[in-house]
Amino acid sequence: MSVPVVPVIAAVTGASWEAALVAGLERDPSGITVVRRCVDLADLLAVATTGTARAVLLSAELRRLDRDALSRLAAAQVAVVGLYSPGDDAAAARLRQLGVGQVLPADAVPSDIAAAVAAAVSATLSSGPETAWSQPLGALPDGAGPDDVDAGAAGEIIEGPGTGTLVAVWGPTGAPGRTTVAVGVAGELARSGVSTLLADADVYGGVVAQLLGFLDEAPGLAAAVRLANNGALDVAGLARVAPQVSPGLRVLTGISRAERWPELRPAALEQVWELARSLAEVTVVDCGFCLEQDEELSFDTAAPRRNGATLMTLARADVVLAVGAADPVGVQRLVRGLTQLREAVPGASPRVVLNQVRRGAIGAEPRAQLRKALERYAGVRDISFVPHDRDALDAAVLQARLLGEVASGSAVRAALADLAAGLLPAGAHRARPRSRRLLRRGA
């Protein structure tokens, strides 16, 4: 019985074992045939789009190899098998950090390489180009221990594969209070004794850093994405770029200028969220408002998309909080936004939060009227209401502190605490508030 032939690309240029590898595969009747030997990453990506190969054998030494390049290979339905020099554990670790599922030493017998290629091809075909190809990582890299994590992280790391909850806070255009809700909910989760990570992923310019008193130069999310894209991010590294702002609460600040949006690459950002599930019990992400997908670029899967980070985060989130302003304009925008959200992310089941609820904008019995309007026009019945309390929010902004630290008795803080309680992981319990001594920003 003949063995099916699988055409593969060899992209191991510069490795001392390249010639021996290719020659061995050509001699062995393992079902692998090398159809092209690529000289660099650009050559590899160009050949991958032609459909001449089903898989690629690449080495960690390939220049400019990163998660973005591997995403382009996945989009072209080309499976990836990583090879490394025998004994080079660092190269093997980097390939796994990049998300390559099949990693072998270069001196593996052809039959083992063929089996790895078959497994990689099967996984690629079953997942499809729109599904993440990366492998989930455990809580800590091999050999790491508590001493490898910066001060304050010990005790917050979740053992085993990431099991934390990812909460995306989204809302339509018009400043409905997405960041206020995200920061407030994260703060209340931490006060409840739940280890929490607050991340600013607004590609149009986030303000979490300003609200909590961080410098614009803080590395934050952009640094984490850059490390993930290069295959150099683990849980300990994520902890180092996510400093504590108060006990139990870490913060990944966002991009300070809107033109920096290409730094938040969706493929690498997805790995950040995967690692965040191991760093904290709950990760709260402040998302951008726009869900538009550029139709002119839809044919080109490699083209950068400004809203890709937002769409990916919403698709991967366990909970989506859809925030709208509690006034006629805000409700209209929210109704339209919920329709767009369902079209862009069909699996999303958002929990609606109406912010800045006040009689002056709606009239008598504002909650009843808002509930009636959303049930009629959006089919939404379960709604959380956050009242308007400008004085309390202004005090928090002025002091660059959490709302619970400057106005613990405010109605806004009580509403956000109730909202956070509904996000507590299964089996979690509310702890007594711990000491609110504020840590030095960036410490």
Protein backbone atom coordinates (compact mmCIF):
# COMPACT_ATOMS: atom_id res chain seq x y z
CA MET A 1 0.00 0.00 0.00
CA SER A 2 1.44 3.36 -1.05
CA VAL A 3 2.08 6.06 1.53
CA PRO A 4 0.35 9.42 0.84
CA VAL A 5 2.91 12.07 -0.04
CA VAL A 6 2.78 15.30 1.97
CA PRO A 7 4.53 18.27 0.33
CA VAL A 8 6.44 20.37 2.86
CA ILE A 9 8.62 23.48 2.89
CA ALA A 10 11.97 23.49 4.66
CA ALA A 11 12.74 26.82 6.35
CA VAL A 12 15.82 26.00 8.40
CA THR A 13 18.35 28.05 6.46
CA GLY A 14 21.55 28.61 8.39
CA ALA A 15 21.22 25.53 10.58
CA SER A 16 24.20 23.18 10.41
CA TRP A 17 21.90 20.20 10.14
CA GLU A 18 19.79 21.50 7.21
CA ALA A 19 21.42 19.45 4.46
CA ALA A 20 21.37 16.24 6.47
CA LEU A 21 17.71 16.76 7.38
CA VAL A 22 16.54 17.30 3.81
CA ALA A 23 18.63 14.41 2.48
CA GLY A 24 17.30 12.07 5.13
CA LEU A 25 13.68 12.96 4.38
CA GLU A 26 14.21 12.49 0.65
CA ARG A 27 15.70 8.99 1.14
CA ASP A 28 13.13 7.75 3.63
CA PRO A 29 9.75 6.43 2.37
CA SER A 30 7.95 8.29 5.14
CA GLY A 31 5.56 10.17 2.88
CA ILE A 32 7.25 13.59 3.15
CA THR A 33 8.68 15.39 0.16
CA VAL A 34 10.45 18.74 0.39
CA VAL A 35 9.10 20.91 -2.41
CA ARG A 36 10.96 24.11 -1.51
CA ARG A 37 13.85 25.24 0.67
CA CYS A 38 13.21 28.84 1.71
CA VAL A 39 16.08 31.21 2.39
CA ASP A 40 14.28 33.55 4.80
CA LEU A 41 10.92 34.37 6.37
CA ALA A 42 9.73 36.54 3.47
CA ASP A 43 10.42 33.70 1.05
CA LEU A 44 8.56 31.26 3.31
CA LEU A 45 5.45 33.44 3.58
CA ALA A 46 5.39 34.01 -0.16
CA VAL A 47 5.61 30.29 -0.94
CA ALA A 48 3.00 29.42 1.72
CA THR A 49 0.36 31.52 -0.04
CA THR A 50 0.79 29.59 -3.32
CA GLY A 51 -0.76 26.40 -1.94
CA THR A 52 2.16 24.20 -3.01
CA ALA A 53 2.77 22.78 0.48
CA ARG A 54 0.71 21.44 3.35
CA ALA A 55 3.28 22.02 6.09
CA VAL A 56 6.55 23.76 6.91
CA LEU A 57 9.55 22.53 8.85
CA LEU A 58 11.13 25.57 10.49
CA SER A 59 13.74 26.28 13.09
CA ALA A 60 13.77 28.75 15.94
CA GLU A 61 16.83 30.37 14.35
CA LEU A 62 14.78 31.60 11.37
CA ARG A 63 15.26 35.38 11.42
CA ARG A 64 12.21 37.51 12.30
CA LEU A 65 10.13 34.48 13.17
CA ASP A 66 7.32 35.64 15.43
CA ARG A 67 3.71 34.93 16.32
CA ASP A 68 2.48 37.27 13.60
CA ALA A 69 4.28 35.24 10.93
CA LEU A 70 2.89 31.99 12.30
CA SER A 71 -0.60 33.47 12.18
CA ARG A 72 -0.11 34.18 8.48
CA LEU A 73 0.92 30.57 7.93
CA ALA A 74 -2.20 29.42 9.77
CA ALA A 75 -4.34 31.70 7.59
CA ALA A 76 -2.79 30.02 4.54
CA GLN A 77 -3.65 26.59 6.04
CA VAL A 78 0.02 25.60 6.23
CA ALA A 79 0.79 23.46 9.28
CA VAL A 80 3.95 24.13 11.31
CA VAL A 81 6.47 21.68 12.78
CA GLY A 82 9.35 23.18 14.73
CA LEU A 83 12.84 21.70 14.68
CA TYR A 84 15.76 22.61 16.92
CA SER A 85 19.39 21.65 17.28
CA PRO A 86 19.78 18.62 19.58
CA GLY A 87 20.39 19.82 23.12
CA ASP A 88 19.29 23.40 22.45
CA ASP A 89 16.54 23.57 25.06
CA ALA A 90 16.22 27.35 24.70
CA ALA A 91 15.31 27.02 21.02
CA ALA A 92 12.74 24.33 21.81
CA ALA A 93 11.23 26.49 24.54
CA ARG A 94 10.98 29.48 22.20
CA LEU A 95 9.12 27.44 19.58
CA ARG A 96 6.65 26.29 22.20
CA GLN A 97 6.28 29.82 23.54
CA LEU A 98 5.40 30.95 20.03
CA GLY A 99 2.63 28.36 20.07
CA VAL A 100 4.08 25.66 17.82
CA GLY A 101 2.40 22.44 18.88
CA GLN A 102 4.75 19.96 17.23
CA VAL A 103 8.40 20.47 18.25
CA LEU A 104 11.16 17.91 17.62
CA PRO A 105 14.97 17.77 17.68
CA ALA A 106 16.53 17.96 14.23
CA ASP A 107 18.03 14.48 14.60
CA ALA A 108 14.61 12.84 15.02
CA VAL A 109 14.06 9.91 12.69
CA PRO A 110 12.08 10.67 9.51
CA SER A 111 9.15 8.57 10.66
CA ASP A 112 8.78 10.70 13.80
CA ILE A 113 8.96 13.90 11.74
CA ALA A 114 6.36 12.49 9.35
CA ALA A 115 4.06 11.68 12.27
CA ALA A 116 4.48 15.22 13.62
CA VAL A 117 3.69 16.68 10.19
CA ALA A 118 0.55 14.53 9.92
CA ALA A 119 -0.62 15.62 13.38
CA ALA A 120 0.05 19.29 12.60
CA VAL A 121 -1.77 19.10 9.26
CA SER A 122 -4.76 17.41 10.90
CA ALA A 123 -4.91 20.07 13.63
CA THR A 124 -4.68 22.89 11.08
CA LEU A 125 -7.44 21.49 8.89
CA SER A 126 -9.75 20.89 11.85
CA SER A 127 -9.24 24.33 13.39
CA GLY A 128 -9.55 26.41 10.23
CA PRO A 129 -7.80 29.70 9.43
CA GLU A 130 -9.92 31.80 11.79
CA THR A 131 -9.20 29.69 14.86
CA ALA A 132 -6.20 30.30 17.09
CA TRP A 133 -3.50 27.78 16.32
CA SER A 134 -1.46 28.44 19.43
CA GLN A 135 -1.17 25.98 22.27
CA PRO A 136 -2.26 27.09 25.77
CA LEU A 137 0.56 27.48 28.25
CA GLY A 138 0.72 26.37 31.84
CA ALA A 139 1.03 28.68 34.78
CA LEU A 140 4.83 28.78 34.77
CA PRO A 141 7.52 27.70 32.30
CA ASP A 142 9.46 24.52 32.98
CA GLY A 143 11.84 24.96 35.87
CA ALA A 144 10.28 28.20 37.09
CA GLY A 145 9.33 28.70 40.67
CA PRO A 146 7.93 31.38 42.97
CA ASP A 147 11.28 33.18 43.00
CA ASP A 148 10.95 33.80 39.25
CA VAL A 149 7.92 36.03 39.79
CA ASP A 150 8.30 39.61 40.93
CA ALA A 151 7.30 40.75 44.40
CA GLY A 152 3.60 40.54 45.06
CA ALA A 153 2.85 37.93 42.42
CA ALA A 154 3.37 34.92 44.66
CA GLY A 155 0.02 33.60 45.77
CA GLU A 156 -1.77 35.10 42.76
CA ILE A 157 -0.55 32.57 40.20
CA ILE A 158 -3.17 29.96 39.41
CA GLU A 159 -1.72 26.46 39.40
CA GLY A 160 -1.95 24.47 36.18
CA PRO A 161 -3.36 25.63 32.84
CA GLY A 162 -5.04 29.02 32.85
CA THR A 163 -8.47 28.80 34.45
CA GLY A 164 -9.12 32.48 35.09
CA THR A 165 -12.13 34.34 33.75
CA LEU A 166 -11.77 36.90 30.95
CA VAL A 167 -14.22 39.82 31.15
CA ALA A 168 -14.43 42.23 28.21
CA VAL A 169 -15.95 45.66 28.88
CA TRP A 170 -17.28 47.14 25.66
CA GLY A 171 -19.66 49.90 24.65
CA PRO A 172 -20.62 51.91 21.57
CA THR A 173 -19.20 55.27 20.58
CA GLY A 174 -19.99 58.31 22.66
CA ALA A 175 -18.08 57.78 25.93
CA PRO A 176 -20.74 55.74 27.77
CA GLY A 177 -18.32 55.00 30.63
CA ARG A 178 -16.51 51.84 29.55
CA THR A 179 -13.32 52.72 31.43
CA THR A 180 -15.19 53.83 34.54
CA VAL A 181 -16.99 50.48 34.68
CA ALA A 182 -13.86 48.46 33.89
CA VAL A 183 -11.73 50.18 36.54
CA GLY A 184 -14.54 50.11 39.10
CA VAL A 185 -15.38 46.44 38.59
CA ALA A 186 -11.71 45.44 38.71
CA GLY A 187 -11.22 47.39 41.92
CA GLU A 188 -14.24 45.79 43.57
CA LEU A 189 -13.15 42.30 42.55
CA ALA A 190 -9.78 42.91 44.19
CA ARG A 191 -11.45 44.24 47.33
CA SER A 192 -13.41 40.99 47.46
CA GLY A 193 -10.21 38.99 47.69
CA VAL A 194 -10.16 37.89 44.04
CA SER A 195 -6.82 38.30 42.27
CA THR A 196 -7.57 40.62 39.35
CA LEU A 197 -5.78 41.93 36.28
CA LEU A 198 -7.05 45.14 34.68
CA ALA A 199 -5.93 45.62 31.07
CA ASP A 200 -6.41 48.62 28.79
CA ALA A 201 -6.84 47.34 25.22
CA ASP A 202 -8.51 50.41 23.72
CA VAL A 203 -6.82 50.80 20.32
CA TYR A 204 -8.09 54.37 20.03
CA GLY A 205 -6.09 55.51 23.05
CA GLY A 206 -6.81 54.22 26.54
CA VAL A 207 -6.92 56.29 29.73
CA VAL A 208 -6.59 53.68 32.47
CA ALA A 209 -3.01 54.84 33.12
CA GLN A 210 -4.13 58.42 33.71
CA LEU A 211 -7.02 57.38 35.96
CA LEU A 212 -4.72 55.33 38.19
CA GLY A 213 -1.71 57.63 38.21
CA PHE A 214 0.69 55.69 36.00
CA LEU A 215 3.20 57.38 33.73
CA ASP A 216 2.51 57.25 29.99
CA GLU A 217 5.90 55.57 29.56
CA ALA A 218 4.85 52.52 31.60
CA PRO A 219 5.46 49.44 29.41
CA GLY A 220 2.12 47.76 30.04
CA LEU A 221 0.12 45.90 27.42
CA ALA A 222 2.22 46.95 24.42
CA ALA A 223 5.32 45.44 26.05
CA ALA A 224 3.46 42.22 26.87
CA VAL A 225 2.23 41.92 23.27
CA ARG A 226 5.71 42.57 21.92
CA LEU A 227 7.17 39.82 24.12
CA ALA A 228 4.39 37.41 23.18
CA ASN A 229 4.90 38.12 19.50
CA ASN A 230 8.58 37.18 19.84
CA GLY A 231 7.85 34.05 21.85
CA ALA A 232 9.44 35.49 24.99
CA LEU A 233 6.43 35.94 27.30
CA ASP A 234 5.51 33.68 30.18
CA VAL A 235 3.43 34.20 33.32
CA ALA A 236 6.38 35.55 35.28
CA GLY A 237 7.15 38.00 32.49
CA LEU A 238 3.54 39.11 32.34
CA ALA A 239 3.61 39.77 36.08
CA ARG A 240 6.67 41.97 35.65
CA VAL A 241 4.97 44.31 33.15
CA ALA A 242 1.69 44.37 35.13
CA PRO A 243 2.49 46.20 38.40
CA GLN A 244 0.18 46.22 41.38
CA VAL A 245 -1.92 49.30 41.97
CA SER A 246 -3.45 47.94 45.17
CA PRO A 247 -3.49 44.57 46.96
CA GLY A 248 -4.82 41.93 44.60
CA LEU A 249 -5.05 44.25 41.59
CA ARG A 250 -2.54 44.34 38.73
CA VAL A 251 -2.72 46.74 35.79
CA LEU A 252 -1.61 46.49 32.18
CA THR A 253 -1.70 50.07 30.93
CA GLY A 254 -2.61 50.72 27.31
CA ILE A 255 -1.30 52.75 24.41
CA SER A 256 -1.29 56.48 25.11
CA ARG A 257 -1.53 57.55 21.46
CA ALA A 258 -4.09 56.25 19.00
CA GLU A 259 -1.56 55.92 16.16
CA ARG A 260 0.18 53.15 18.11
CA TRP A 261 -2.67 50.70 17.46
CA PRO A 262 -0.54 48.36 15.26
CA GLU A 263 1.42 47.45 18.42
CA LEU A 264 -1.58 45.51 19.73
CA ARG A 265 -1.35 42.57 17.33
CA PRO A 266 -4.37 40.27 17.78
CA ALA A 267 -2.43 36.99 17.50
CA ALA A 268 0.06 38.01 20.19
CA LEU A 269 -2.62 39.69 22.31
CA GLU A 270 -4.52 36.41 22.36
CA GLN A 271 -1.52 34.77 23.98
CA VAL A 272 -1.41 37.56 26.58
CA TRP A 273 -5.02 36.81 27.53
CA GLU A 274 -4.21 33.09 27.71
CA LEU A 275 -1.38 33.77 30.14
CA ALA A 276 -3.53 36.25 32.05
CA ARG A 277 -5.86 33.37 32.91
CA SER A 278 -2.94 31.88 34.87
CA LEU A 279 -1.83 35.13 36.47
CA ALA A 280 -5.21 36.23 37.85
CA GLU A 281 -8.57 34.72 38.71
CA VAL A 282 -10.33 37.45 36.73
CA THR A 283 -8.96 39.62 33.92
CA VAL A 284 -10.99 42.74 33.12
CA VAL A 285 -10.28 44.25 29.69
CA ASP A 286 -11.28 47.78 28.69
CA CYS A 287 -11.98 47.41 24.93
CA GLY A 288 -12.26 49.91 22.10
CA PHE A 289 -15.70 50.90 20.87
CA CYS A 290 -15.45 50.18 17.13
CA LEU A 291 -16.39 46.77 15.68
CA GLU A 292 -16.06 47.70 12.02
CA GLN A 293 -14.29 45.28 9.70
CA ASP A 294 -12.73 46.89 6.62
CA GLU A 295 -14.39 45.19 3.66
CA GLU A 296 -11.72 46.44 1.28
CA LEU A 297 -9.12 44.49 3.26
CA SER A 298 -11.21 41.40 3.94
CA PHE A 299 -9.63 39.50 1.07
CA ASP A 300 -6.18 39.96 2.58
CA THR A 301 -5.94 37.96 5.82
CA ALA A 302 -2.48 39.38 6.51
CA ALA A 303 -3.55 43.03 6.36
CA PRO A 304 -3.51 44.79 9.75
CA ARG A 305 -6.91 45.63 11.16
CA ARG A 306 -7.29 48.35 13.70
CA ASN A 307 -10.26 46.70 15.39
CA GLY A 308 -8.77 43.21 15.32
CA ALA A 309 -7.69 43.41 18.97
CA THR A 310 -11.20 44.38 20.09
CA LEU A 311 -12.94 41.71 18.01
CA MET A 312 -10.56 38.99 19.16
CA THR A 313 -10.94 39.97 22.82
CA LEU A 314 -14.73 39.94 22.59
CA ALA A 315 -14.66 36.54 20.86
CA ARG A 316 -12.39 35.03 23.55
CA ALA A 317 -14.12 36.62 26.55
CA ASP A 318 -16.10 34.51 28.99
CA VAL A 319 -18.23 37.53 29.89
CA VAL A 320 -18.97 40.67 27.86
CA LEU A 321 -20.25 43.75 29.69
CA ALA A 322 -21.97 46.05 27.19
CA VAL A 323 -21.97 49.56 28.65
CA GLY A 324 -24.38 52.24 27.47
CA ALA A 325 -25.15 55.77 28.60
CA ALA A 326 -28.51 56.13 30.31
CA ASP A 327 -29.91 58.91 28.13
CA PRO A 328 -31.93 58.90 24.88
CA VAL A 329 -28.88 59.21 22.64
CA GLY A 330 -26.89 56.66 24.61
CA VAL A 331 -29.72 54.11 24.57
CA GLN A 332 -30.14 54.48 20.82
CA ARG A 333 -26.42 53.95 20.29
CA LEU A 334 -26.48 50.93 22.59
CA VAL A 335 -29.38 49.30 20.76
CA ARG A 336 -27.59 49.67 17.44
CA GLY A 337 -24.31 48.60 19.00
CA LEU A 338 -25.80 45.39 20.42
CA THR A 339 -27.00 44.44 16.95
CA GLN A 340 -23.55 45.10 15.53
CA LEU A 341 -21.95 43.14 18.37
CA ARG A 342 -24.08 40.09 17.67
CA GLU A 343 -23.17 40.26 13.99
CA ALA A 344 -19.45 40.73 14.60
CA VAL A 345 -19.17 38.22 17.46
CA PRO A 346 -22.06 35.75 17.08
CA GLY A 347 -21.16 33.82 20.24
CA ALA A 348 -21.28 36.85 22.52
CA SER A 349 -24.09 37.06 25.09
CA PRO A 350 -23.52 40.50 26.58
CA ARG A 351 -24.66 41.64 30.00
CA VAL A 352 -26.01 45.14 29.62
CA VAL A 353 -24.88 47.90 31.97
CA LEU A 354 -26.55 51.30 31.85
CA ASN A 355 -24.27 53.97 33.24
CA GLN A 356 -24.98 57.45 34.62
CA VAL A 357 -28.62 56.73 35.43
CA ARG A 358 -30.36 59.96 36.47
CA ARG A 359 -33.83 61.43 36.41
CA GLY A 360 -32.80 64.59 34.59
CA ALA A 361 -32.01 62.74 31.35
CA ILE A 362 -34.91 60.24 31.41
CA GLY A 363 -37.63 61.62 33.67
CA ALA A 364 -39.45 60.02 36.56
CA GLU A 365 -38.67 56.38 37.35
CA PRO A 366 -35.66 56.24 35.01
CA ARG A 367 -34.88 52.55 35.63
CA ALA A 368 -38.36 51.42 34.70
CA GLN A 369 -38.36 53.50 31.53
CA LEU A 370 -34.88 52.37 30.51
CA ARG A 371 -35.77 48.73 31.13
CA LYS A 372 -38.92 49.07 29.05
CA ALA A 373 -37.07 50.73 26.15
CA LEU A 374 -34.31 48.13 26.00
CA GLU A 375 -36.73 45.24 26.27
CA ARG A 376 -38.78 46.65 23.40
CA TYR A 377 -36.00 47.62 21.02
CA ALA A 378 -33.19 45.21 21.92
CA GLY A 379 -34.91 42.29 23.62
CA VAL A 380 -32.84 42.87 26.77
CA ARG A 381 -34.38 42.18 30.16
CA ASP A 382 -31.43 41.64 32.49
CA ILE A 383 -29.87 45.08 33.05
CA SER A 384 -27.47 46.46 35.64
CA PHE A 385 -27.83 50.13 36.54
CA VAL A 386 -25.01 52.42 37.68
CA PRO A 387 -26.29 55.74 39.06
CA HIS A 388 -24.86 59.14 38.26
CA ASP A 389 -22.53 60.48 40.96
CA ARG A 390 -20.19 63.01 39.39
CA ASP A 391 -18.72 64.22 42.68
CA ALA A 392 -17.50 60.75 43.67
CA LEU A 393 -16.04 60.02 40.23
CA ASP A 394 -14.36 63.42 40.07
CA ALA A 395 -12.73 62.78 43.45
CA ALA A 396 -11.34 59.46 42.22
CA VAL A 397 -9.97 61.05 39.04
CA LEU A 398 -8.49 64.00 40.93
CA GLN A 399 -6.60 61.72 43.32
CA ALA A 400 -5.83 59.04 40.70
CA ARG A 401 -7.20 56.35 42.98
CA LEU A 402 -9.86 53.68 42.90
CA LEU A 403 -13.40 54.78 43.65
CA GLY A 404 -13.62 52.47 46.65
CA GLU A 405 -10.63 54.24 48.20
CA VAL A 406 -12.00 57.77 48.01
CA ALA A 407 -15.79 57.35 48.09
CA SER A 408 -16.55 53.94 49.57
CA GLY A 409 -20.07 54.99 50.50
CA SER A 410 -21.10 56.34 47.10
CA ALA A 411 -24.01 54.86 45.16
CA VAL A 412 -21.77 54.32 42.14
CA ARG A 413 -19.35 52.23 44.13
CA ALA A 414 -22.22 50.13 45.56
CA ALA A 415 -23.58 49.44 42.07
CA LEU A 416 -20.14 48.47 40.74
CA ALA A 417 -19.61 46.19 43.75
CA ASP A 418 -22.88 44.39 42.96
CA LEU A 419 -21.83 44.08 39.31
CA ALA A 420 -18.47 42.65 40.35
CA ALA A 421 -20.14 40.16 42.69
CA GLY A 422 -21.95 38.67 39.71
CA LEU A 423 -18.60 38.04 38.02
CA LEU A 424 -16.99 36.13 40.88
CA PRO A 425 -15.66 32.73 39.78
CA ALA A 426 -17.65 29.67 40.79
CA GLY A 427 -16.90 28.75 44.37
CA ALA A 428 -15.32 32.10 45.17
CA HIS A 429 -16.43 34.00 48.24
CA ARG A 430 -16.33 37.62 49.15
CA ALA A 431 -13.55 38.35 51.60
CA ARG A 432 -13.38 41.23 54.01
CA PRO A 433 -11.78 44.29 52.42
CA ARG A 434 -8.06 44.26 53.02
CA SER A 435 -5.83 47.16 53.92
CA ARG A 436 -6.25 49.89 51.34
CA ARG A 437 -2.70 51.18 51.68
CA LEU A 438 -1.92 52.25 48.12
CA LEU A 439 1.24 50.85 46.58
CA ARG A 440 3.71 53.09 44.80
CA ARG A 441 2.65 53.36 41.15
CA GLY A 442 4.83 51.26 38.93
CA ALA A 443 6.35 49.34 41.89
